[in-house]
Amino acid sequence: MRRALTGGKRQLRLDLASPEQAIDAPMIKTYINGYSANDRVTEVIVEKLIGKSAFEGKSPVDPFCGVWGTNF
């Protein structure tokens, strides 16, 4: 099912300042939230995406809003 929804391609969702949005796209396995929509946060996310630094940490909120089945 996931392959059919994504066309078999890897997908990533990036949100700025909206940590609870993963519920809108549960088929996407990689979810990045910057928690703030400013230039510095955007720069850091790009650095991480291109491998200049590692992603660290864990979401302090439930991006799936506690809805069963959205994070399988």
Protein backbone atom coordinates (compact mmCIF):
# COMPACT_ATOMS: atom_id res chain seq x y z
CA MET A 1 0.00 0.00 0.00
CA ARG A 2 2.75 2.45 0.95
CA ARG A 3 4.53 1.78 -2.34
CA ALA A 4 1.35 2.48 -4.27
CA LEU A 5 0.77 5.77 -2.43
CA THR A 6 4.32 7.03 -2.92
CA GLY A 7 4.97 5.65 -6.39
CA GLY A 8 7.74 3.49 -4.95
CA LYS A 9 9.95 6.53 -4.32
CA ARG A 10 11.52 7.64 -1.09
CA GLN A 11 9.79 10.62 0.39
CA LEU A 12 10.59 13.15 3.06
CA ARG A 13 8.35 15.69 4.70
CA LEU A 14 9.81 18.93 6.00
CA ASP A 15 7.76 21.27 8.13
CA LEU A 16 8.72 24.54 9.74
CA ALA A 17 6.82 25.67 12.84
CA SER A 18 4.13 22.98 12.65
CA PRO A 19 5.17 19.80 14.52
CA GLU A 20 1.74 18.17 14.49
CA GLN A 21 1.43 17.92 10.71
CA ALA A 22 2.68 14.32 10.30
CA ILE A 23 -0.90 13.14 10.72
CA ASP A 24 -1.63 14.65 7.29
CA ALA A 25 0.85 12.34 5.55
CA PRO A 26 1.24 9.10 7.51
CA MET A 27 2.69 7.24 4.51
CA ILE A 28 5.88 9.30 4.68
CA LYS A 29 8.49 7.61 6.90
CA THR A 30 10.96 10.50 7.20
CA TYR A 31 9.59 13.58 8.91
CA ILE A 32 11.71 16.63 9.76
CA ASN A 33 10.40 19.56 11.76
CA GLY A 34 12.34 22.76 12.26
CA TYR A 35 9.96 24.18 14.90
CA SER A 36 10.60 27.69 13.60
CA ALA A 37 10.29 29.28 10.19
CA ASN A 38 13.35 31.52 10.22
CA ASP A 39 16.46 31.70 8.05
CA ARG A 40 18.82 30.10 10.58
CA VAL A 41 16.61 27.04 11.09
CA THR A 42 16.30 26.63 7.32
CA GLU A 43 20.11 26.86 6.93
CA VAL A 44 20.69 24.23 9.62
CA ILE A 45 18.18 21.84 8.07
CA VAL A 46 19.88 22.17 4.68
CA GLU A 47 23.29 21.51 6.32
CA LYS A 48 21.89 18.34 7.83
CA LEU A 49 20.23 17.20 4.61
CA ILE A 50 23.49 17.52 2.67
CA GLY A 51 25.47 15.72 5.38
CA LYS A 52 27.44 18.56 6.99
CA SER A 53 26.06 17.58 10.39
CA ALA A 54 23.96 14.79 11.83
CA PHE A 55 20.32 14.91 12.82
CA GLU A 56 20.03 14.50 16.58
CA GLY A 57 17.26 14.55 19.10
CA LYS A 58 13.72 13.38 19.37
CA SER A 59 10.46 15.20 18.86
CA PRO A 60 9.17 16.74 22.09
CA VAL A 61 5.62 16.45 20.72
CA ASP A 62 3.68 13.63 19.11
CA PRO A 63 3.60 14.61 15.42
CA PHE A 64 0.91 11.97 14.84
CA CYS A 65 -1.40 13.52 17.47
CA GLY A 66 -1.93 10.16 19.17
CA VAL A 67 -3.95 8.77 16.25
CA TRP A 68 -3.59 4.99 16.14
CA GLY A 69 -2.08 3.56 12.97
CA THR A 70 -0.49 6.73 11.65
CA ASN A 71 3.08 5.86 12.66
CA PHE A 72 3.44 2.26 11.48
